PDB file of N, CA and C in Angstrom:
ATOM      1  N   UNK A   1      15.225  65.691 -20.269  1.00  0.00           N
ATOM      2  CA  UNK A   1      14.868  64.786 -21.391  1.00  0.00           C
ATOM      3  C   UNK A   1      13.466  64.517 -21.261  1.00  0.00           C
ATOM      4  N   UNK A   2      12.788  64.683 -22.430  1.00  0.00           N
ATOM      5  CA  UNK A   2      11.368  64.544 -22.543  1.00  0.00           C
ATOM      6  C   UNK A   2      11.130  63.037 -22.725  1.00  0.00           C
ATOM      7  N   UNK A   3      10.003  62.568 -21.916  1.00  0.00           N
ATOM      8  CA  UNK A   3       9.667  61.214 -21.990  1.00  0.00           C
ATOM      9  C   UNK A   3       8.280  61.117 -22.478  1.00  0.00           C
ATOM     10  N   UNK A   4       8.109  60.769 -23.716  1.00  0.00           N
ATOM     11  CA  UNK A   4       6.795  60.815 -24.316  1.00  0.00           C
ATOM     12  C   UNK A   4       6.115  59.354 -24.210  1.00  0.00           C
ATOM     13  N   UNK A   5       4.899  59.299 -24.044  1.00  0.00           N
ATOM     14  CA  UNK A   5       4.141  58.062 -23.833  1.00  0.00           C
ATOM     15  C   UNK A   5       3.211  57.964 -25.026  1.00  0.00           C
ATOM     16  N   UNK A   6       3.229  56.807 -25.770  1.00  0.00           N
ATOM     17  CA  UNK A   6       2.373  56.613 -26.771  1.00  0.00           C
ATOM     18  C   UNK A   6       1.708  55.194 -26.657  1.00  0.00           C
ATOM     19  N   UNK A   7       0.439  55.008 -27.310  1.00  0.00           N
ATOM     20  CA  UNK A   7      -0.195  53.728 -27.057  1.00  0.00           C
ATOM     21  C   UNK A   7      -0.570  53.223 -28.445  1.00  0.00           C
ATOM     22  N   UNK A   8      -0.584  51.858 -28.607  1.00  0.00           N
ATOM     23  CA  UNK A   8      -0.921  51.087 -29.734  1.00  0.00           C
ATOM     24  C   UNK A   8      -1.974  50.043 -29.440  1.00  0.00           C
ATOM     25  N   UNK A   9      -2.751  49.802 -30.529  1.00  0.00           N
ATOM     26  CA  UNK A   9      -3.637  48.738 -30.343  1.00  0.00           C
ATOM     27  C   UNK A   9      -2.966  47.643 -30.992  1.00  0.00           C
ATOM     28  N   UNK A  10      -2.892  46.321 -30.496  1.00  0.00           N
ATOM     29  CA  UNK A  10      -2.060  45.253 -30.907  1.00  0.00           C
ATOM     30  C   UNK A  10      -3.047  44.131 -30.946  1.00  0.00           C
ATOM     31  N   UNK A  11      -2.469  42.944 -31.627  1.00  0.00           N
ATOM     32  CA  UNK A  11      -3.061  41.635 -31.423  1.00  0.00           C
ATOM     33  C   UNK A  11      -2.245  40.667 -30.726  1.00  0.00           C
ATOM     34  N   UNK A  12      -1.502  41.338 -29.631  1.00  0.00           N
ATOM     35  CA  UNK A  12      -0.689  40.576 -28.722  1.00  0.00           C
ATOM     36  C   UNK A  12      -1.577  39.979 -27.697  1.00  0.00           C
ATOM     37  N   UNK A  13      -2.147  38.747 -27.882  1.00  0.00           N
ATOM     38  CA  UNK A  13      -3.229  38.193 -27.137  1.00  0.00           C
ATOM     39  C   UNK A  13      -2.962  37.716 -25.798  1.00  0.00           C
ATOM     40  N   UNK A  14      -1.665  37.202 -25.582  1.00  0.00           N
ATOM     41  CA  UNK A  14      -1.280  36.470 -24.366  1.00  0.00           C
ATOM     42  C   UNK A  14       0.058  36.649 -23.979  1.00  0.00           C
ATOM     43  N   UNK A  15       0.458  36.046 -22.759  1.00  0.00           N
ATOM     44  CA  UNK A  15       1.849  36.331 -22.397  1.00  0.00           C
ATOM     45  C   UNK A  15       2.851  35.749 -23.351  1.00  0.00           C
ATOM     46  N   UNK A  16       2.452  34.591 -24.020  1.00  0.00           N
ATOM     47  CA  UNK A  16       3.384  33.906 -25.015  1.00  0.00           C
ATOM     48  C   UNK A  16       3.639  34.905 -26.178  1.00  0.00           C
ATOM     49  N   UNK A  17       2.519  35.550 -26.609  1.00  0.00           N
ATOM     50  CA  UNK A  17       2.718  36.632 -27.726  1.00  0.00           C
ATOM     51  C   UNK A  17       3.619  37.686 -27.296  1.00  0.00           C
ATOM     52  N   UNK A  18       3.438  38.174 -26.164  1.00  0.00           N
ATOM     53  CA  UNK A  18       4.249  39.326 -25.517  1.00  0.00           C
ATOM     54  C   UNK A  18       5.729  38.853 -25.551  1.00  0.00           C
ATOM     55  N   UNK A  19       5.904  37.711 -25.037  1.00  0.00           N
ATOM     56  CA  UNK A  19       7.180  37.074 -24.928  1.00  0.00           C
ATOM     57  C   UNK A  19       7.998  37.095 -26.356  1.00  0.00           C
ATOM     58  N   UNK A  20       7.308  36.959 -27.315  1.00  0.00           N
ATOM     59  CA  UNK A  20       7.862  36.883 -28.644  1.00  0.00           C
ATOM     60  C   UNK A  20       8.400  38.216 -29.145  1.00  0.00           C
ATOM     61  N   UNK A  21       7.933  39.347 -28.566  1.00  0.00           N
ATOM     62  CA  UNK A  21       8.406  40.658 -28.953  1.00  0.00           C
ATOM     63  C   UNK A  21       9.262  41.338 -27.839  1.00  0.00           C
ATOM     64  N   UNK A  22       9.355  40.648 -26.665  1.00  0.00           N
ATOM     65  CA  UNK A  22      10.048  41.291 -25.525  1.00  0.00           C
ATOM     66  C   UNK A  22      11.438  41.601 -25.892  1.00  0.00           C
ATOM     67  N   UNK A  23      12.325  40.667 -26.344  1.00  0.00           N
ATOM     68  CA  UNK A  23      13.701  41.034 -26.523  1.00  0.00           C
ATOM     69  C   UNK A  23      13.832  42.069 -27.557  1.00  0.00           C
ATOM     70  N   UNK A  24      13.117  42.230 -28.536  1.00  0.00           N
ATOM     71  CA  UNK A  24      13.141  43.330 -29.546  1.00  0.00           C
ATOM     72  C   UNK A  24      12.730  44.675 -29.023  1.00  0.00           C
ATOM     73  N   UNK A  25      11.729  44.574 -28.238  1.00  0.00           N
ATOM     74  CA  UNK A  25      11.173  45.951 -27.678  1.00  0.00           C
ATOM     75  C   UNK A  25      12.231  46.435 -26.490  1.00  0.00           C
ATOM     76  N   UNK A  26      12.722  45.370 -25.741  1.00  0.00           N
ATOM     77  CA  UNK A  26      13.773  45.791 -24.706  1.00  0.00           C
ATOM     78  C   UNK A  26      15.068  46.324 -25.463  1.00  0.00           C
ATOM     79  N   UNK A  27      15.358  45.784 -26.557  1.00  0.00           N
ATOM     80  CA  UNK A  27      16.616  46.310 -27.144  1.00  0.00           C
ATOM     81  C   UNK A  27      16.318  47.676 -27.678  1.00  0.00           C
ATOM     82  N   UNK A  28      15.240  47.854 -28.276  1.00  0.00           N
ATOM     83  CA  UNK A  28      15.015  49.270 -29.009  1.00  0.00           C
ATOM     84  C   UNK A  28      14.535  50.367 -27.838  1.00  0.00           C
ATOM     85  N   UNK A  29      13.861  49.900 -26.836  1.00  0.00           N
ATOM     86  CA  UNK A  29      13.219  50.860 -26.044  1.00  0.00           C
ATOM     87  C   UNK A  29      13.833  50.922 -24.663  1.00  0.00           C
ATOM     88  N   UNK A  30      14.376  49.769 -24.242  1.00  0.00           N
ATOM     89  CA  UNK A  30      14.880  49.649 -22.898  1.00  0.00           C
ATOM     90  C   UNK A  30      13.922  48.897 -21.963  1.00  0.00           C
ATOM     91  N   UNK A  31      14.416  48.011 -21.250  1.00  0.00           N
ATOM     92  CA  UNK A  31      13.528  47.254 -20.216  1.00  0.00           C
ATOM     93  C   UNK A  31      12.798  48.065 -19.250  1.00  0.00           C
ATOM     94  N   UNK A  32      11.494  47.793 -19.155  1.00  0.00           N
ATOM     95  CA  UNK A  32      10.719  48.725 -18.279  1.00  0.00           C
ATOM     96  C   UNK A  32      10.085  49.943 -18.929  1.00  0.00           C
ATOM     97  N   UNK A  33      10.439  50.015 -20.278  1.00  0.00           N
ATOM     98  CA  UNK A  33       9.859  51.262 -21.018  1.00  0.00           C
ATOM     99  C   UNK A  33       8.588  50.970 -21.803  1.00  0.00           C
ATOM    100  N   UNK A  34       8.076  49.893 -21.675  1.00  0.00           N
ATOM    101  CA  UNK A  34       6.855  49.541 -22.434  1.00  0.00           C
ATOM    102  C   UNK A  34       6.104  48.466 -21.717  1.00  0.00           C
ATOM    103  N   UNK A  35       4.835  48.237 -21.956  1.00  0.00           N
ATOM    104  CA  UNK A  35       3.964  47.261 -21.316  1.00  0.00           C
ATOM    105  C   UNK A  35       2.804  46.977 -22.263  1.00  0.00           C
ATOM    106  N   UNK A  36       2.235  45.771 -22.095  1.00  0.00           N
ATOM    107  CA  UNK A  36       1.149  45.307 -22.895  1.00  0.00           C
ATOM    108  C   UNK A  36       0.049  44.935 -21.866  1.00  0.00           C
ATOM    109  N   UNK A  37      -1.142  45.535 -22.131  1.00  0.00           N
ATOM    110  CA  UNK A  37      -2.358  45.043 -21.323  1.00  0.00           C
ATOM    111  C   UNK A  37      -3.167  44.249 -22.031  1.00  0.00           C
ATOM    112  N   UNK A  38      -2.880  42.859 -21.871  1.00  0.00           N
ATOM    113  CA  UNK A  38      -3.724  41.872 -22.594  1.00  0.00           C
ATOM    114  C   UNK A  38      -5.004  41.625 -21.981  1.00  0.00           C
ATOM    115  N   UNK A  39      -5.409  42.203 -20.947  1.00  0.00           N
ATOM    116  CA  UNK A  39      -6.803  41.958 -20.392  1.00  0.00           C
ATOM    117  C   UNK A  39      -7.794  42.913 -20.953  1.00  0.00           C
ATOM    118  N   UNK A  40      -7.465  43.793 -21.835  1.00  0.00           N
ATOM    119  CA  UNK A  40      -8.431  44.627 -22.514  1.00  0.00           C
ATOM    120  C   UNK A  40      -8.584  44.213 -23.993  1.00  0.00           C
ATOM    121  N   UNK A  41      -9.731  44.384 -24.519  1.00  0.00           N
ATOM    122  CA  UNK A  41      -9.920  43.850 -25.845  1.00  0.00           C
ATOM    123  C   UNK A  41      -8.966  44.358 -27.028  1.00  0.00           C
ATOM    124  N   UNK A  42      -8.559  45.654 -26.827  1.00  0.00           N
ATOM    125  CA  UNK A  42      -7.541  46.240 -27.831  1.00  0.00           C
ATOM    126  C   UNK A  42      -6.179  45.780 -27.486  1.00  0.00           C
ATOM    127  N   UNK A  43      -5.782  45.138 -26.440  1.00  0.00           N
ATOM    128  CA  UNK A  43      -4.487  44.672 -26.090  1.00  0.00           C
ATOM    129  C   UNK A  43      -3.472  45.690 -26.195  1.00  0.00           C
ATOM    130  N   UNK A  44      -3.547  46.700 -25.464  1.00  0.00           N
ATOM    131  CA  UNK A  44      -2.882  48.047 -25.606  1.00  0.00           C
ATOM    132  C   UNK A  44      -1.332  47.985 -25.185  1.00  0.00           C
ATOM    133  N   UNK A  45      -0.499  48.283 -26.226  1.00  0.00           N
ATOM    134  CA  UNK A  45       0.863  48.441 -25.853  1.00  0.00           C
ATOM    135  C   UNK A  45       1.048  49.908 -25.545  1.00  0.00           C
ATOM    136  N   UNK A  46       1.756  50.228 -24.261  1.00  0.00           N
ATOM    137  CA  UNK A  46       2.100  51.454 -23.821  1.00  0.00           C
ATOM    138  C   UNK A  46       3.540  51.636 -24.003  1.00  0.00           C
ATOM    139  N   UNK A  47       4.073  52.664 -24.563  1.00  0.00           N
ATOM    140  CA  UNK A  47       5.455  52.736 -24.770  1.00  0.00           C
ATOM    141  C   UNK A  47       5.961  54.103 -24.116  1.00  0.00           C
ATOM    142  N   UNK A  48       6.913  54.231 -23.310  1.00  0.00           N
ATOM    143  CA  UNK A  48       7.599  55.333 -22.857  1.00  0.00           C
ATOM    144  C   UNK A  48       8.822  55.521 -23.668  1.00  0.00           C
ATOM    145  N   UNK A  49       8.773  56.542 -24.482  1.00  0.00           N
ATOM    146  CA  UNK A  49       9.870  56.651 -25.550  1.00  0.00           C
ATOM    147  C   UNK A  49      10.036  58.099 -26.015  1.00  0.00           C
ATOM    148  N   UNK A  50      11.271  58.367 -26.197  1.00  0.00           N
ATOM    149  CA  UNK A  50      11.663  59.755 -26.787  1.00  0.00           C
ATOM    150  C   UNK A  50      12.630  59.537 -27.882  1.00  0.00           C
ATOM    151  N   UNK A  51      12.776  58.371 -28.362  1.00  0.00           N
ATOM    152  CA  UNK A  51      13.704  58.112 -29.395  1.00  0.00           C
ATOM    153  C   UNK A  51      13.167  57.677 -30.750  1.00  0.00           C
ATOM    154  N   UNK A  52      12.197  56.735 -30.566  1.00  0.00           N
ATOM    155  CA  UNK A  52      11.662  55.980 -31.711  1.00  0.00           C
ATOM    156  C   UNK A  52      10.406  56.631 -32.170  1.00  0.00           C
ATOM    157  N   UNK A  53      10.125  56.621 -33.551  1.00  0.00           N
ATOM    158  CA  UNK A  53       8.849  57.129 -33.932  1.00  0.00           C
ATOM    159  C   UNK A  53       7.664  56.107 -33.960  1.00  0.00           C
ATOM    160  N   UNK A  54       6.523  56.350 -34.045  1.00  0.00           N
ATOM    161  CA  UNK A  54       5.539  55.416 -34.021  1.00  0.00           C
ATOM    162  C   UNK A  54       5.582  54.317 -35.097  1.00  0.00           C
ATOM    163  N   UNK A  55       6.124  54.751 -36.265  1.00  0.00           N
ATOM    164  CA  UNK A  55       6.356  53.918 -37.431  1.00  0.00           C
ATOM    165  C   UNK A  55       7.431  52.710 -36.986  1.00  0.00           C
ATOM    166  N   UNK A  56       8.461  53.284 -36.246  1.00  0.00           N
ATOM    167  CA  UNK A  56       9.500  52.242 -35.928  1.00  0.00           C
ATOM    168  C   UNK A  56       8.982  51.367 -34.836  1.00  0.00           C
ATOM    169  N   UNK A  57       8.143  51.754 -33.907  1.00  0.00           N
ATOM    170  CA  UNK A  57       7.581  50.785 -32.898  1.00  0.00           C
ATOM    171  C   UNK A  57       6.652  49.866 -33.563  1.00  0.00           C
ATOM    172  N   UNK A  58       5.765  50.306 -34.610  1.00  0.00           N
ATOM    173  CA  UNK A  58       4.882  49.402 -35.239  1.00  0.00           C
ATOM    174  C   UNK A  58       5.741  48.478 -36.075  1.00  0.00           C
ATOM    175  N   UNK A  59       6.797  48.785 -36.659  1.00  0.00           N
ATOM    176  CA  UNK A  59       7.713  48.011 -37.398  1.00  0.00           C
ATOM    177  C   UNK A  59       8.245  46.826 -36.635  1.00  0.00           C
ATOM    178  N   UNK A  60       8.677  47.095 -35.452  1.00  0.00           N
ATOM    179  CA  UNK A  60       9.239  46.035 -34.499  1.00  0.00           C
ATOM    180  C   UNK A  60       8.219  45.051 -34.220  1.00  0.00           C
ATOM    181  N   UNK A  61       6.921  45.461 -33.867  1.00  0.00           N
ATOM    182  CA  UNK A  61       5.763  44.442 -33.808  1.00  0.00           C
ATOM    183  C   UNK A  61       5.502  43.681 -35.061  1.00  0.00           C
ATOM    184  N   UNK A  62       5.471  44.330 -36.195  1.00  0.00           N
ATOM    185  CA  UNK A  62       5.187  43.686 -37.464  1.00  0.00           C
ATOM    186  C   UNK A  62       6.218  42.727 -37.811  1.00  0.00           C
ATOM    187  N   UNK A  63       7.451  43.004 -37.424  1.00  0.00           N
ATOM    188  CA  UNK A  63       8.651  42.166 -37.799  1.00  0.00           C
ATOM    189  C   UNK A  63       8.421  40.712 -37.172  1.00  0.00           C
ATOM    190  N   UNK A  64       7.775  40.772 -35.991  1.00  0.00           N
ATOM    191  CA  UNK A  64       7.600  39.504 -35.399  1.00  0.00           C
ATOM    192  C   UNK A  64       6.195  38.809 -35.741  1.00  0.00           C
ATOM    193  N   UNK A  65       5.519  39.208 -36.653  1.00  0.00           N
ATOM    194  CA  UNK A  65       4.267  38.617 -37.119  1.00  0.00           C
ATOM    195  C   UNK A  65       2.989  39.178 -36.557  1.00  0.00           C
ATOM    196  N   UNK A  66       3.182  40.241 -35.758  1.00  0.00           N
ATOM    197  CA  UNK A  66       1.953  40.734 -35.021  1.00  0.00           C
ATOM    198  C   UNK A  66       1.558  42.166 -35.779  1.00  0.00           C
ATOM    199  N   UNK A  67       0.410  42.560 -35.236  1.00  0.00           N
ATOM    200  CA  UNK A  67      -0.053  43.872 -35.763  1.00  0.00           C
ATOM    201  C   UNK A  67      -0.021  44.919 -34.589  1.00  0.00           C
ATOM    202  N   UNK A  68       0.017  46.187 -35.138  1.00  0.00           N
ATOM    203  CA  UNK A  68       0.071  47.262 -34.131  1.00  0.00           C
ATOM    204  C   UNK A  68      -0.252  48.543 -34.889  1.00  0.00           C
ATOM    205  N   UNK A  69      -1.233  49.421 -34.220  1.00  0.00           N
ATOM    206  CA  UNK A  69      -1.423  50.668 -34.864  1.00  0.00           C
ATOM    207  C   UNK A  69      -1.527  51.655 -33.741  1.00  0.00           C
ATOM    208  N   UNK A  70      -1.059  52.858 -34.047  1.00  0.00           N
ATOM    209  CA  UNK A  70      -0.945  53.849 -33.012  1.00  0.00           C
ATOM    210  C   UNK A  70      -2.382  54.337 -32.666  1.00  0.00           C
ATOM    211  N   UNK A  71      -2.708  54.680 -31.395  1.00  0.00           N
ATOM    212  CA  UNK A  71      -4.042  55.197 -31.026  1.00  0.00           C
ATOM    213  C   UNK A  71      -3.795  56.721 -30.982  1.00  0.00           C
TER     214      UNK A  71
END
């Protein structure tokens, strides 16, 4: 099985923001298959995924009221 890694610039600024998307990302991608680095200015979401498209990942973030764009 191929495990692709993709990254997204987001506006998930803090742990509370990340908490709002956690359940949806865990459900779609699996726990431990994604992370957000809130310590960098671009708030990078890293996804280890071989099932969802970039558009689907962005849609999950957008559904919760945040923004994401693939790098």
